[in-house]
Amino acid sequence: MRSAAAYVNNRVYDVLACAVPLICDPVEGLPDGFDEFIYICDGPEALADCVAQALAEDEAMRTRRREFAQHVREAHSFDARAREIVEKVRGLGQAG
């Protein structure tokens, strides 16, 4: 997942599509706007802080998160992600 291709695990999309906070390690290649809805935990020491931030989200953030989840479900569905992965793989085959 952390290769030069910057493939983002489908679970990131699944969690964001559910409108819940996501805590994960640093991820390269996120689509624009995703980073606002992900708490990046770059080590064990940061985990408690990320959890506290997620639990402290206010109603405005929860509303924005629900709106973003709708966008993720529409623009980043499983079918859309599968098409993107196939395109990247085809591109790799043509590069060699």
Protein backbone atom coordinates (compact mmCIF):
# COMPACT_ATOMS: atom_id res chain seq x y z
CA MET A 1 0.00 0.00 0.00
CA ARG A 2 2.90 2.34 0.63
CA SER A 3 4.59 1.75 -2.70
CA ALA A 4 5.31 4.32 -5.38
CA ALA A 5 1.87 3.57 -6.83
CA ALA A 6 0.33 5.06 -3.64
CA TYR A 7 -2.56 2.62 -3.58
CA VAL A 8 -5.04 3.55 -0.87
CA ASN A 9 -6.61 0.55 0.88
CA ASN A 10 -10.32 0.16 0.15
CA ARG A 11 -11.02 0.05 3.90
CA VAL A 12 -10.23 3.78 4.06
CA TYR A 13 -13.10 4.39 1.63
CA ASP A 14 -15.38 1.96 3.48
CA VAL A 15 -14.90 3.72 6.81
CA LEU A 16 -15.29 7.21 5.38
CA ALA A 17 -18.44 6.14 3.52
CA CYS A 18 -19.93 5.20 6.91
CA ALA A 19 -19.47 8.76 8.23
CA VAL A 20 -17.35 7.71 11.20
CA PRO A 21 -13.94 9.04 12.21
CA LEU A 22 -10.98 7.15 10.82
CA ILE A 23 -7.70 6.85 12.69
CA CYS A 24 -4.86 5.44 10.63
CA ASP A 25 -1.18 5.64 9.91
CA PRO A 26 0.09 8.16 7.33
CA VAL A 27 -1.28 7.41 3.86
CA GLU A 28 0.09 8.73 0.59
CA GLY A 29 -2.13 9.20 -2.42
CA LEU A 30 -5.34 10.21 -0.70
CA PRO A 31 -7.82 11.98 -2.98
CA ASP A 32 -8.27 15.70 -2.37
CA GLY A 33 -10.33 16.52 0.69
CA PHE A 34 -9.93 13.16 2.42
CA ASP A 35 -7.27 14.28 4.90
CA GLU A 36 -9.73 16.54 6.71
CA PHE A 37 -11.73 13.49 7.77
CA ILE A 38 -8.84 11.24 8.83
CA TYR A 39 -6.88 11.41 12.07
CA ILE A 40 -3.30 10.51 11.22
CA CYS A 41 -1.59 8.55 13.95
CA ASP A 42 2.13 8.40 13.27
CA GLY A 43 3.05 6.30 16.28
CA PRO A 44 1.78 4.70 19.49
CA GLU A 45 2.19 7.95 21.42
CA ALA A 46 -0.22 9.74 19.08
CA LEU A 47 -3.03 7.21 19.35
CA ALA A 48 -4.59 8.58 22.55
CA ASP A 49 -4.59 12.10 21.09
CA CYS A 50 -6.25 10.92 17.86
CA VAL A 51 -8.93 9.05 19.79
CA ALA A 52 -9.59 12.10 21.98
CA GLN A 53 -9.93 14.34 18.90
CA ALA A 54 -12.32 11.91 17.23
CA LEU A 55 -14.48 11.65 20.34
CA ALA A 56 -14.57 15.43 20.71
CA GLU A 57 -15.96 16.18 17.25
CA ASP A 58 -18.73 18.74 17.40
CA GLU A 59 -22.06 18.59 15.57
CA ALA A 60 -20.79 20.78 12.73
CA MET A 61 -17.97 18.33 12.04
CA ARG A 62 -20.34 15.35 12.26
CA THR A 63 -22.62 17.07 9.72
CA ARG A 64 -19.69 17.72 7.36
CA ARG A 65 -18.57 14.11 7.85
CA ARG A 66 -22.04 12.82 6.86
CA GLU A 67 -22.04 15.02 3.76
CA PHE A 68 -18.56 13.82 2.86
CA ALA A 69 -19.67 10.22 3.38
CA GLN A 70 -22.36 10.72 0.76
CA HIS A 71 -19.71 12.03 -1.64
CA VAL A 72 -17.51 8.99 -0.93
CA ARG A 73 -20.41 6.61 -1.58
CA GLU A 74 -21.18 8.31 -4.88
CA ALA A 75 -17.70 9.03 -6.25
CA HIS A 76 -15.65 6.25 -4.67
CA SER A 77 -17.92 3.22 -4.73
CA PHE A 78 -16.47 -0.26 -4.98
CA ASP A 79 -17.11 -0.23 -8.74
CA ALA A 80 -15.42 3.15 -9.16
CA ARG A 81 -12.41 2.00 -7.08
CA ALA A 82 -12.16 -1.26 -9.04
CA ARG A 83 -12.13 0.67 -12.33
CA GLU A 84 -9.34 2.90 -10.98
CA ILE A 85 -7.28 -0.09 -9.86
CA VAL A 86 -7.70 -1.80 -13.25
CA GLU A 87 -6.61 1.40 -15.01
CA LYS A 88 -3.49 1.65 -12.83
CA VAL A 89 -2.59 -1.99 -13.44
CA ARG A 90 -3.03 -1.55 -17.21
CA GLY A 91 -0.82 1.53 -17.03
CA LEU A 92 1.88 -0.48 -15.27
CA GLY A 93 1.72 -3.10 -18.02
CA GLN A 94 2.17 -0.45 -20.70
CA ALA A 95 5.08 1.20 -18.87
CA GLY A 96 7.22 -1.94 -19.11
